[in-house]
Amino acid sequence: MVLHFTQNGFGLTTSQASAFSPCNITGFFRIYDSARDPLRIGSTGVGVALGTGVTTVVSLRRTRRPRIVARFNGNQLTAEAVSVEVARRYCELDGRSWNTQISH
């Protein structure tokens, strides 16, 4: 993850983080969730991790009105997209207004 920060204040604070996630092809997968002991709950599986994947960049800037825009390959995602919902929830928990830009 890479973070970049600039000046403080409304509209001037920009924080940016990026993360790479490799693609994975799952061969088989089994969930173990019936044990009473939480140490025995989990999953096993076999898969192949590929070198290709997706890099996600999130930029935050303090604003008076919150705004979240998420894009995948340059195309804007709908308000129901998981990325938008996760960002919305984090912003609600934070309690401050952010202009949030997400790029996959």
PDB file of N, CA and C in Angstrom:
ATOM      1  N   MET A   1       0.837  -1.154   0.000  1.00  0.00           N
ATOM      2  CA  MET A   1       0.000   0.000   0.000  1.00  0.00           C
ATOM      3  C   MET A   1       0.894   1.232   0.000  1.00  0.00           C
ATOM      4  N   VAL A   2       0.508   2.225  -0.778  1.00  0.00           N
ATOM      5  CA  VAL A   2       1.252   3.470  -0.884  1.00  0.00           C
ATOM      6  C   VAL A   2       0.348   4.611  -0.458  1.00  0.00           C
ATOM      7  N   LEU A   3       0.817   5.478   0.441  1.00  0.00           N
ATOM      8  CA  LEU A   3       0.037   6.622   0.892  1.00  0.00           C
ATOM      9  C   LEU A   3       0.744   7.912   0.502  1.00  0.00           C
ATOM     10  N   HIS A   4      -0.044   8.909   0.070  1.00  0.00           N
ATOM     11  CA  HIS A   4       0.477  10.236  -0.259  1.00  0.00           C
ATOM     12  C   HIS A   4      -0.386  11.270   0.443  1.00  0.00           C
ATOM     13  N   PHE A   5       0.229  12.278   1.058  1.00  0.00           N
ATOM     14  CA  PHE A   5      -0.517  13.327   1.744  1.00  0.00           C
ATOM     15  C   PHE A   5      -0.061  14.686   1.248  1.00  0.00           C
ATOM     16  N   THR A   6      -1.006  15.646   1.194  1.00  0.00           N
ATOM     17  CA  THR A   6      -0.673  17.023   0.849  1.00  0.00           C
ATOM     18  C   THR A   6      -1.197  17.944   1.937  1.00  0.00           C
ATOM     19  N   GLN A   7      -1.370  19.234   1.655  1.00  0.00           N
ATOM     20  CA  GLN A   7      -1.722  20.244   2.653  1.00  0.00           C
ATOM     21  C   GLN A   7      -3.022  19.933   3.383  1.00  0.00           C
ATOM     22  N   ASN A   8      -3.182  20.554   4.569  1.00  0.00           N
ATOM     23  CA  ASN A   8      -4.383  20.372   5.392  1.00  0.00           C
ATOM     24  C   ASN A   8      -5.442  21.419   5.063  1.00  0.00           C
ATOM     25  N   GLY A   9      -6.696  21.113   5.374  1.00  0.00           N
ATOM     26  CA  GLY A   9      -7.800  22.048   5.186  1.00  0.00           C
ATOM     27  C   GLY A   9      -8.836  21.485   4.234  1.00  0.00           C
ATOM     28  N   PHE A  10     -10.037  22.084   4.232  1.00  0.00           N
ATOM     29  CA  PHE A  10     -11.082  21.625   3.317  1.00  0.00           C
ATOM     30  C   PHE A  10     -10.619  21.778   1.881  1.00  0.00           C
ATOM     31  N   GLY A  11     -10.777  20.741   1.115  1.00  0.00           N
ATOM     32  CA  GLY A  11     -10.424  20.778  -0.294  1.00  0.00           C
ATOM     33  C   GLY A  11      -8.931  20.728  -0.562  1.00  0.00           C
ATOM     34  N   LEU A  12      -8.121  20.777   0.480  1.00  0.00           N
ATOM     35  CA  LEU A  12      -6.675  20.769   0.265  1.00  0.00           C
ATOM     36  C   LEU A  12      -6.023  19.475   0.731  1.00  0.00           C
ATOM     37  N   THR A  13      -6.664  18.769   1.657  1.00  0.00           N
ATOM     38  CA  THR A  13      -6.095  17.517   2.142  1.00  0.00           C
ATOM     39  C   THR A  13      -6.433  16.409   1.157  1.00  0.00           C
ATOM     40  N   THR A  14      -5.424  15.824   0.587  1.00  0.00           N
ATOM     41  CA  THR A  14      -5.630  14.687  -0.303  1.00  0.00           C
ATOM     42  C   THR A  14      -4.820  13.515   0.220  1.00  0.00           C
ATOM     43  N   SER A  15      -5.489  12.422   0.465  1.00  0.00           N
ATOM     44  CA  SER A  15      -4.836  11.192   0.877  1.00  0.00           C
ATOM     45  C   SER A  15      -5.097  10.170  -0.218  1.00  0.00           C
ATOM     46  N   GLN A  16      -4.093   9.399  -0.546  1.00  0.00           N
ATOM     47  CA  GLN A  16      -4.252   8.410  -1.602  1.00  0.00           C
ATOM     48  C   GLN A  16      -3.568   7.119  -1.177  1.00  0.00           C
ATOM     49  N   ALA A  17      -4.236   6.015  -1.433  1.00  0.00           N
ATOM     50  CA  ALA A  17      -3.676   4.694  -1.158  1.00  0.00           C
ATOM     51  C   ALA A  17      -3.926   3.817  -2.373  1.00  0.00           C
ATOM     52  N   SER A  18      -2.984   2.920  -2.650  1.00  0.00           N
ATOM     53  CA  SER A  18      -3.177   1.970  -3.739  1.00  0.00           C
ATOM     54  C   SER A  18      -2.776   0.582  -3.262  1.00  0.00           C
ATOM     55  N   ALA A  19      -3.444  -0.414  -3.829  1.00  0.00           N
ATOM     56  CA  ALA A  19      -3.159  -1.803  -3.471  1.00  0.00           C
ATOM     57  C   ALA A  19      -3.364  -2.686  -4.694  1.00  0.00           C
ATOM     58  N   PHE A  20      -2.518  -3.706  -4.841  1.00  0.00           N
ATOM     59  CA  PHE A  20      -2.617  -4.668  -5.938  1.00  0.00           C
ATOM     60  C   PHE A  20      -3.139  -5.985  -5.387  1.00  0.00           C
ATOM     61  N   SER A  21      -4.080  -6.591  -6.090  1.00  0.00           N
ATOM     62  CA  SER A  21      -4.602  -7.896  -5.718  1.00  0.00           C
ATOM     63  C   SER A  21      -4.470  -8.828  -6.920  1.00  0.00           C
ATOM     64  N   PRO A  22      -3.688  -9.919  -6.794  1.00  0.00           N
ATOM     65  CA  PRO A  22      -3.543 -10.833  -7.930  1.00  0.00           C
ATOM     66  C   PRO A  22      -4.822 -11.628  -8.169  1.00  0.00           C
ATOM     67  N   CYS A  23      -5.000 -12.049  -9.401  1.00  0.00           N
ATOM     68  CA  CYS A  23      -6.137 -12.909  -9.740  1.00  0.00           C
ATOM     69  C   CYS A  23      -5.884 -14.307  -9.198  1.00  0.00           C
ATOM     70  N   ASN A  24      -6.957 -15.017  -8.929  1.00  0.00           N
ATOM     71  CA  ASN A  24      -6.865 -16.371  -8.406  1.00  0.00           C
ATOM     72  C   ASN A  24      -7.936 -17.223  -9.083  1.00  0.00           C
ATOM     73  N   ILE A  25      -7.553 -18.415  -9.472  1.00  0.00           N
ATOM     74  CA  ILE A  25      -8.514 -19.380 -10.005  1.00  0.00           C
ATOM     75  C   ILE A  25      -8.632 -20.489  -8.973  1.00  0.00           C
ATOM     76  N   THR A  26      -9.841 -20.683  -8.440  1.00  0.00           N
ATOM     77  CA  THR A  26     -10.070 -21.675  -7.396  1.00  0.00           C
ATOM     78  C   THR A  26     -10.410 -23.018  -8.020  1.00  0.00           C
ATOM     79  N   GLY A  27      -9.678 -24.061  -7.603  1.00  0.00           N
ATOM     80  CA  GLY A  27      -9.943 -25.418  -8.071  1.00  0.00           C
ATOM     81  C   GLY A  27     -11.062 -26.057  -7.261  1.00  0.00           C
ATOM     82  N   PHE A  28     -10.943 -26.012  -5.945  1.00  0.00           N
ATOM     83  CA  PHE A  28     -12.025 -26.433  -5.063  1.00  0.00           C
ATOM     84  C   PHE A  28     -11.884 -25.687  -3.749  1.00  0.00           C
ATOM     85  N   PHE A  29     -12.988 -25.664  -3.000  1.00  0.00           N
ATOM     86  CA  PHE A  29     -13.066 -24.843  -1.808  1.00  0.00           C
ATOM     87  C   PHE A  29     -14.048 -25.487  -0.844  1.00  0.00           C
ATOM     88  N   ARG A  30     -13.679 -25.583   0.427  1.00  0.00           N
ATOM     89  CA  ARG A  30     -14.579 -26.167   1.432  1.00  0.00           C
ATOM     90  C   ARG A  30     -14.596 -25.277   2.667  1.00  0.00           C
ATOM     91  N   ILE A  31     -15.799 -25.010   3.166  1.00  0.00           N
ATOM     92  CA  ILE A  31     -15.983 -24.186   4.360  1.00  0.00           C
ATOM     93  C   ILE A  31     -16.206 -25.100   5.565  1.00  0.00           C
ATOM     94  N   TYR A  32     -15.549 -24.779   6.671  1.00  0.00           N
ATOM     95  CA  TYR A  32     -15.740 -25.467   7.948  1.00  0.00           C
ATOM     96  C   TYR A  32     -16.325 -24.448   8.924  1.00  0.00           C
ATOM     97  N   ASP A  33     -17.641 -24.503   9.135  1.00  0.00           N
ATOM     98  CA  ASP A  33     -18.266 -23.502   9.995  1.00  0.00           C
ATOM     99  C   ASP A  33     -19.202 -24.090  11.046  1.00  0.00           C
ATOM    100  N   SER A  34     -19.145 -25.402  11.274  1.00  0.00           N
ATOM    101  CA  SER A  34     -20.071 -26.007  12.234  1.00  0.00           C
ATOM    102  C   SER A  34     -19.432 -26.267  13.601  1.00  0.00           C
ATOM    103  N   ALA A  35     -18.143 -26.079  13.755  1.00  0.00           N
ATOM    104  CA  ALA A  35     -17.488 -26.328  15.038  1.00  0.00           C
ATOM    105  C   ALA A  35     -17.858 -25.247  16.047  1.00  0.00           C
ATOM    106  N   ARG A  36     -17.909 -25.625  17.319  1.00  0.00           N
ATOM    107  CA  ARG A  36     -18.172 -24.649  18.374  1.00  0.00           C
ATOM    108  C   ARG A  36     -16.913 -23.848  18.701  1.00  0.00           C
ATOM    109  N   ASP A  37     -15.772 -24.459  18.491  1.00  0.00           N
ATOM    110  CA  ASP A  37     -14.495 -23.803  18.772  1.00  0.00           C
ATOM    111  C   ASP A  37     -14.125 -22.903  17.592  1.00  0.00           C
ATOM    112  N   PRO A  38     -14.021 -21.570  17.801  1.00  0.00           N
ATOM    113  CA  PRO A  38     -13.701 -20.663  16.683  1.00  0.00           C
ATOM    114  C   PRO A  38     -12.360 -20.965  16.029  1.00  0.00           C
ATOM    115  N   LEU A  39     -11.470 -21.630  16.739  1.00  0.00           N
ATOM    116  CA  LEU A  39     -10.170 -21.978  16.155  1.00  0.00           C
ATOM    117  C   LEU A  39     -10.294 -23.095  15.123  1.00  0.00           C
ATOM    118  N   ARG A  40     -11.430 -23.771  15.090  1.00  0.00           N
ATOM    119  CA  ARG A  40     -11.656 -24.851  14.131  1.00  0.00           C
ATOM    120  C   ARG A  40     -12.581 -24.436  12.992  1.00  0.00           C
ATOM    121  N   ILE A  41     -12.905 -23.163  12.900  1.00  0.00           N
ATOM    122  CA  ILE A  41     -13.749 -22.639  11.838  1.00  0.00           C
ATOM    123  C   ILE A  41     -12.844 -21.987  10.791  1.00  0.00           C
ATOM    124  N   GLY A  42     -13.132 -22.222   9.520  1.00  0.00           N
ATOM    125  CA  GLY A  42     -12.321 -21.646   8.453  1.00  0.00           C
ATOM    126  C   GLY A  42     -12.620 -22.313   7.134  1.00  0.00           C
ATOM    127  N   SER A  43     -11.603 -22.412   6.301  1.00  0.00           N
ATOM    128  CA  SER A  43     -11.792 -23.015   4.990  1.00  0.00           C
ATOM    129  C   SER A  43     -10.475 -23.584   4.492  1.00  0.00           C
ATOM    130  N   THR A  44     -10.596 -24.494   3.533  1.00  0.00           N
ATOM    131  CA  THR A  44      -9.433 -25.019   2.826  1.00  0.00           C
ATOM    132  C   THR A  44      -9.760 -25.004   1.343  1.00  0.00           C
ATOM    133  N   GLY A  45      -8.739 -25.059   0.547  1.00  0.00           N
ATOM    134  CA  GLY A  45      -8.963 -25.071  -0.887  1.00  0.00           C
ATOM    135  C   GLY A  45      -7.661 -25.098  -1.645  1.00  0.00           C
ATOM    136  N   VAL A  46      -7.800 -25.266  -2.939  1.00  0.00           N
ATOM    137  CA  VAL A  46      -6.653 -25.270  -3.838  1.00  0.00           C
ATOM    138  C   VAL A  46      -6.959 -24.328  -4.985  1.00  0.00           C
ATOM    139  N   GLY A  47      -5.976 -23.550  -5.338  1.00  0.00           N
ATOM    140  CA  GLY A  47      -6.151 -22.627  -6.447  1.00  0.00           C
ATOM    141  C   GLY A  47      -4.807 -22.219  -7.015  1.00  0.00           C
ATOM    142  N   VAL A  48      -4.863 -21.459  -8.073  1.00  0.00           N
ATOM    143  CA  VAL A  48      -3.670 -20.967  -8.745  1.00  0.00           C
ATOM    144  C   VAL A  48      -3.711 -19.448  -8.712  1.00  0.00           C
ATOM    145  N   ALA A  49      -2.651 -18.839  -8.194  1.00  0.00           N
ATOM    146  CA  ALA A  49      -2.551 -17.379  -8.204  1.00  0.00           C
ATOM    147  C   ALA A  49      -1.862 -16.952  -9.495  1.00  0.00           C
ATOM    148  N   LEU A  50      -2.440 -16.003 -10.200  1.00  0.00           N
ATOM    149  CA  LEU A  50      -1.889 -15.512 -11.453  1.00  0.00           C
ATOM    150  C   LEU A  50      -1.141 -14.206 -11.217  1.00  0.00           C
ATOM    151  N   GLY A  51      -0.208 -13.891 -12.056  1.00  0.00           N
ATOM    152  CA  GLY A  51       0.541 -12.642 -11.938  1.00  0.00           C
ATOM    153  C   GLY A  51      -0.282 -11.421 -12.274  1.00  0.00           C
ATOM    154  N   THR A  52      -1.298 -11.613 -13.100  1.00  0.00           N
ATOM    155  CA  THR A  52      -2.160 -10.475 -13.440  1.00  0.00           C
ATOM    156  C   THR A  52      -3.152 -10.260 -12.318  1.00  0.00           C
ATOM    157  N   GLY A  53      -3.707  -9.080 -12.244  1.00  0.00           N
ATOM    158  CA  GLY A  53      -4.665  -8.777 -11.188  1.00  0.00           C
ATOM    159  C   GLY A  53      -5.210  -7.379 -11.376  1.00  0.00           C
ATOM    160  N   VAL A  54      -5.616  -6.782 -10.286  1.00  0.00           N
ATOM    161  CA  VAL A  54      -6.184  -5.441 -10.338  1.00  0.00           C
ATOM    162  C   VAL A  54      -5.501  -4.559  -9.298  1.00  0.00           C
ATOM    163  N   THR A  55      -5.218  -3.330  -9.702  1.00  0.00           N
ATOM    164  CA  THR A  55      -4.718  -2.320  -8.775  1.00  0.00           C
ATOM    165  C   THR A  55      -5.854  -1.359  -8.492  1.00  0.00           C
ATOM    166  N   THR A  56      -6.119  -1.132  -7.225  1.00  0.00           N
ATOM    167  CA  THR A  56      -7.155  -0.192  -6.813  1.00  0.00           C
ATOM    168  C   THR A  56      -6.489   1.016  -6.181  1.00  0.00           C
ATOM    169  N   VAL A  57      -6.928   2.202  -6.584  1.00  0.00           N
ATOM    170  CA  VAL A  57      -6.428   3.454  -6.025  1.00  0.00           C
ATOM    171  C   VAL A  57      -7.620   4.182  -5.417  1.00  0.00           C
ATOM    172  N   VAL A  58      -7.468   4.607  -4.159  1.00  0.00           N
ATOM    173  CA  VAL A  58      -8.506   5.370  -3.473  1.00  0.00           C
ATOM    174  C   VAL A  58      -7.912   6.722  -3.098  1.00  0.00           C
ATOM    175  N   SER A  59      -8.601   7.801  -3.487  1.00  0.00           N
ATOM    176  CA  SER A  59      -8.187   9.160  -3.147  1.00  0.00           C
ATOM    177  C   SER A  59      -9.284   9.801  -2.303  1.00  0.00           C
ATOM    178  N   LEU A  60      -8.880  10.449  -1.220  1.00  0.00           N
ATOM    179  CA  LEU A  60      -9.813  11.120  -0.323  1.00  0.00           C
ATOM    180  C   LEU A  60      -9.442  12.591  -0.208  1.00  0.00           C
ATOM    181  N   ARG A  61     -10.456  13.445  -0.255  1.00  0.00           N
ATOM    182  CA  ARG A  61     -10.250  14.879  -0.052  1.00  0.00           C
ATOM    183  C   ARG A  61     -11.401  15.397   0.793  1.00  0.00           C
ATOM    184  N   ARG A  62     -11.089  16.117   1.876  1.00  0.00           N
ATOM    185  CA  ARG A  62     -12.130  16.673   2.745  1.00  0.00           C
ATOM    186  C   ARG A  62     -12.979  17.673   1.970  1.00  0.00           C
ATOM    187  N   THR A  63     -14.293  17.554   2.131  1.00  0.00           N
ATOM    188  CA  THR A  63     -15.234  18.464   1.479  1.00  0.00           C
ATOM    189  C   THR A  63     -16.381  18.759   2.431  1.00  0.00           C
ATOM    190  N   ARG A  64     -17.192  19.709   2.062  1.00  0.00           N
ATOM    191  CA  ARG A  64     -18.373  20.022   2.871  1.00  0.00           C
ATOM    192  C   ARG A  64     -19.531  19.063   2.548  1.00  0.00           C
ATOM    193  N   ARG A  65     -19.578  18.571   1.294  1.00  0.00           N
ATOM    194  CA  ARG A  65     -20.611  17.622   0.874  1.00  0.00           C
ATOM    195  C   ARG A  65     -19.944  16.320   0.452  1.00  0.00           C
ATOM    196  N   PRO A  66     -20.360  15.181   1.029  1.00  0.00           N
ATOM    197  CA  PRO A  66     -19.736  13.906   0.655  1.00  0.00           C
ATOM    198  C   PRO A  66     -20.070  13.508  -0.782  1.00  0.00           C
ATOM    199  N   ARG A  67     -19.105  12.871  -1.430  1.00  0.00           N
ATOM    200  CA  ARG A  67     -19.294  12.379  -2.799  1.00  0.00           C
ATOM    201  C   ARG A  67     -18.417  11.149  -2.975  1.00  0.00           C
ATOM    202  N   ILE A  68     -18.966  10.107  -3.575  1.00  0.00           N
ATOM    203  CA  ILE A  68     -18.217   8.880  -3.844  1.00  0.00           C
ATOM    204  C   ILE A  68     -18.391   8.529  -5.307  1.00  0.00           C
ATOM    205  N   VAL A  69     -17.275   8.395  -6.010  1.00  0.00           N
ATOM    206  CA  VAL A  69     -17.284   7.974  -7.415  1.00  0.00           C
ATOM    207  C   VAL A  69     -16.325   6.798  -7.539  1.00  0.00           C
ATOM    208  N   ALA A  70     -16.815   5.692  -8.078  1.00  0.00           N
ATOM    209  CA  ALA A  70     -15.994   4.502  -8.300  1.00  0.00           C
ATOM    210  C   ALA A  70     -16.003   4.163  -9.785  1.00  0.00           C
ATOM    211  N   ARG A  71     -14.825   3.794 -10.286  1.00  0.00           N
ATOM    212  CA  ARG A  71     -14.687   3.438 -11.695  1.00  0.00           C
ATOM    213  C   ARG A  71     -13.954   2.106 -11.838  1.00  0.00           C
ATOM    214  N   PHE A  72     -14.327   1.373 -12.880  1.00  0.00           N
ATOM    215  CA  PHE A  72     -13.636   0.144 -13.254  1.00  0.00           C
ATOM    216  C   PHE A  72     -13.262   0.266 -14.718  1.00  0.00           C
ATOM    217  N   ASN A  73     -11.978   0.217 -15.015  1.00  0.00           N
ATOM    218  CA  ASN A  73     -11.475   0.422 -16.380  1.00  0.00           C
ATOM    219  C   ASN A  73     -12.012   1.712 -16.990  1.00  0.00           C
ATOM    220  N   GLY A  74     -12.147   2.750 -16.161  1.00  0.00           N
ATOM    221  CA  GLY A  74     -12.593   4.052 -16.638  1.00  0.00           C
ATOM    222  C   GLY A  74     -14.092   4.248 -16.670  1.00  0.00           C
ATOM    223  N   ASN A  75     -14.869   3.186 -16.512  1.00  0.00           N
ATOM    224  CA  ASN A  75     -16.335   3.282 -16.544  1.00  0.00           C
ATOM    225  C   ASN A  75     -16.880   3.440 -15.130  1.00  0.00           C
ATOM    226  N   GLN A  76     -17.749   4.434 -14.946  1.00  0.00           N
ATOM    227  CA  GLN A  76     -18.306   4.685 -13.618  1.00  0.00           C
ATOM    228  C   GLN A  76     -19.211   3.539 -13.195  1.00  0.00           C
ATOM    229  N   LEU A  77     -19.043   3.106 -11.938  1.00  0.00           N
ATOM    230  CA  LEU A  77     -19.864   2.048 -11.365  1.00  0.00           C
ATOM    231  C   LEU A  77     -21.145   2.640 -10.785  1.00  0.00           C
ATOM    232  N   THR A  78     -22.160   1.807 -10.637  1.00  0.00           N
ATOM    233  CA  THR A  78     -23.435   2.258 -10.085  1.00  0.00           C
ATOM    234  C   THR A  78     -23.320   2.442  -8.570  1.00  0.00           C
ATOM    235  N   ALA A  79     -24.303   3.113  -8.007  1.00  0.00           N
ATOM    236  CA  ALA A  79     -24.325   3.358  -6.563  1.00  0.00           C
ATOM    237  C   ALA A  79     -24.439   2.062  -5.766  1.00  0.00           C
ATOM    238  N   GLU A  80     -24.892   0.978  -6.410  1.00  0.00           N
ATOM    239  CA  GLU A  80     -25.042  -0.304  -5.729  1.00  0.00           C
ATOM    240  C   GLU A  80     -23.765  -1.136  -5.734  1.00  0.00           C
ATOM    241  N   ALA A  81     -22.728  -0.689  -6.406  1.00  0.00           N
ATOM    242  CA  ALA A  81     -21.478  -1.455  -6.496  1.00  0.00           C
ATOM    243  C   ALA A  81     -20.865  -1.623  -5.105  1.00  0.00           C
ATOM    244  N   VAL A  82     -20.238  -2.759  -4.888  1.00  0.00           N
ATOM    245  CA  VAL A  82     -19.636  -3.059  -3.585  1.00  0.00           C
ATOM    246  C   VAL A  82     -18.636  -1.978  -3.177  1.00  0.00           C
ATOM    247  N   SER A  83     -17.816  -1.518  -4.103  1.00  0.00           N
ATOM    248  CA  SER A  83     -16.824  -0.484  -3.782  1.00  0.00           C
ATOM    249  C   SER A  83     -17.481   0.772  -3.237  1.00  0.00           C
ATOM    250  N   VAL A  84     -18.593   1.176  -3.836  1.00  0.00           N
ATOM    251  CA  VAL A  84     -19.300   2.384  -3.400  1.00  0.00           C
ATOM    252  C   VAL A  84     -19.908   2.166  -2.022  1.00  0.00           C
ATOM    253  N   GLU A  85     -20.515   1.010  -1.812  1.00  0.00           N
ATOM    254  CA  GLU A  85     -21.139   0.710  -0.520  1.00  0.00           C
ATOM    255  C   GLU A  85     -20.100   0.652   0.603  1.00  0.00           C
ATOM    256  N   VAL A  86     -18.959   0.039   0.352  1.00  0.00           N
ATOM    257  CA  VAL A  86     -17.907  -0.033   1.373  1.00  0.00           C
ATOM    258  C   VAL A  86     -17.390   1.366   1.697  1.00  0.00           C
ATOM    259  N   ALA A  87     -17.141   2.172   0.688  1.00  0.00           N
ATOM    260  CA  ALA A  87     -16.669   3.542   0.907  1.00  0.00           C
ATOM    261  C   ALA A  87     -17.712   4.355   1.666  1.00  0.00           C
ATOM    262  N   ARG A  88     -18.975   4.207   1.296  1.00  0.00           N
ATOM    263  CA  ARG A  88     -20.050   4.928   1.971  1.00  0.00           C
ATOM    264  C   ARG A  88     -20.091   4.583   3.452  1.00  0.00           C
ATOM    265  N   ARG A  89     -19.961   3.313   3.762  1.00  0.00           N
ATOM    266  CA  ARG A  89     -20.014   2.862   5.166  1.00  0.00           C
ATOM    267  C   ARG A  89     -18.816   3.388   5.955  1.00  0.00           C
ATOM    268  N   TYR A  90     -17.636   3.323   5.371  1.00  0.00           N
ATOM    269  CA  TYR A  90     -16.452   3.859   6.058  1.00  0.00           C
ATOM    270  C   TYR A  90     -16.606   5.356   6.314  1.00  0.00           C
ATOM    271  N   CYS A  91     -17.126   6.085   5.336  1.00  0.00           N
ATOM    272  CA  CYS A  91     -17.322   7.533   5.507  1.00  0.00           C
ATOM    273  C   CYS A  91     -18.343   7.818   6.602  1.00  0.00           C
ATOM    274  N   GLU A  92     -19.404   7.024   6.669  1.00  0.00           N
ATOM    275  CA  GLU A  92     -20.397   7.184   7.732  1.00  0.00           C
ATOM    276  C   GLU A  92     -19.767   6.954   9.102  1.00  0.00           C
ATOM    277  N   LEU A  93     -18.956   5.919   9.220  1.00  0.00           N
ATOM    278  CA  LEU A  93     -18.298   5.611  10.489  1.00  0.00           C
ATOM    279  C   LEU A  93     -17.305   6.699  10.888  1.00  0.00           C
ATOM    280  N   ASP A  94     -16.646   7.293   9.902  1.00  0.00           N
ATOM    281  CA  ASP A  94     -15.670   8.344  10.161  1.00  0.00           C
ATOM    282  C   ASP A  94     -16.349   9.628  10.637  1.00  0.00           C
ATOM    283  N   GLY A  95     -17.522   9.931  10.088  1.00  0.00           N
ATOM    284  CA  GLY A  95     -18.272  11.097  10.517  1.00  0.00           C
ATOM    285  C   GLY A  95     -17.880  12.404   9.844  1.00  0.00           C
ATOM    286  N   ARG A  96     -16.885  12.383   8.959  1.00  0.00           N
ATOM    287  CA  ARG A  96     -16.490  13.596   8.236  1.00  0.00           C
ATOM    288  C   ARG A  96     -16.914  13.461   6.777  1.00  0.00           C
ATOM    289  N   SER A  97     -16.973  14.585   6.071  1.00  0.00           N
ATOM    290  CA  SER A  97     -17.363  14.581   4.657  1.00  0.00           C
ATOM    291  C   SER A  97     -16.120  14.433   3.785  1.00  0.00           C
ATOM    292  N   TRP A  98     -16.180  13.485   2.853  1.00  0.00           N
ATOM    293  CA  TRP A  98     -15.053  13.209   1.962  1.00  0.00           C
ATOM    294  C   TRP A  98     -15.513  13.168   0.508  1.00  0.00           C
ATOM    295  N   ASN A  99     -14.689  13.674  -0.370  1.00  0.00           N
ATOM    296  CA  ASN A  99     -14.818  13.407  -1.799  1.00  0.00           C
ATOM    297  C   ASN A  99     -13.958  12.161  -2.006  1.00  0.00           C
ATOM    298  N   THR A 100     -14.588  11.063  -2.341  1.00  0.00           N
ATOM    299  CA  THR A 100     -13.906   9.770  -2.448  1.00  0.00           C
ATOM    300  C   THR A 100     -13.888   9.329  -3.906  1.00  0.00           C
ATOM    301  N   GLN A 101     -12.711   9.117  -4.437  1.00  0.00           N
ATOM    302  CA  GLN A 101     -12.537   8.641  -5.808  1.00  0.00           C
ATOM    303  C   GLN A 101     -11.887   7.260  -5.737  1.00  0.00           C
ATOM    304  N   ILE A 102     -12.527   6.273  -6.358  1.00  0.00           N
ATOM    305  CA  ILE A 102     -12.028   4.888  -6.361  1.00  0.00           C
ATOM    306  C   ILE A 102     -11.820   4.477  -7.804  1.00  0.00           C
ATOM    307  N   SER A 103     -10.649   3.940  -8.096  1.00  0.00           N
ATOM    308  CA  SER A 103     -10.352   3.495  -9.457  1.00  0.00           C
ATOM    309  C   SER A 103      -9.805   2.073  -9.409  1.00  0.00           C
ATOM    310  N   HIS A 104     -10.466   1.171 -10.149  1.00  0.00           N
ATOM    311  CA  HIS A 104     -10.011  -0.221 -10.259  1.00  0.00           C
ATOM    312  C   HIS A 104      -9.470  -0.438 -11.662  1.00  0.00           C
TER     313      HIS A 104
END
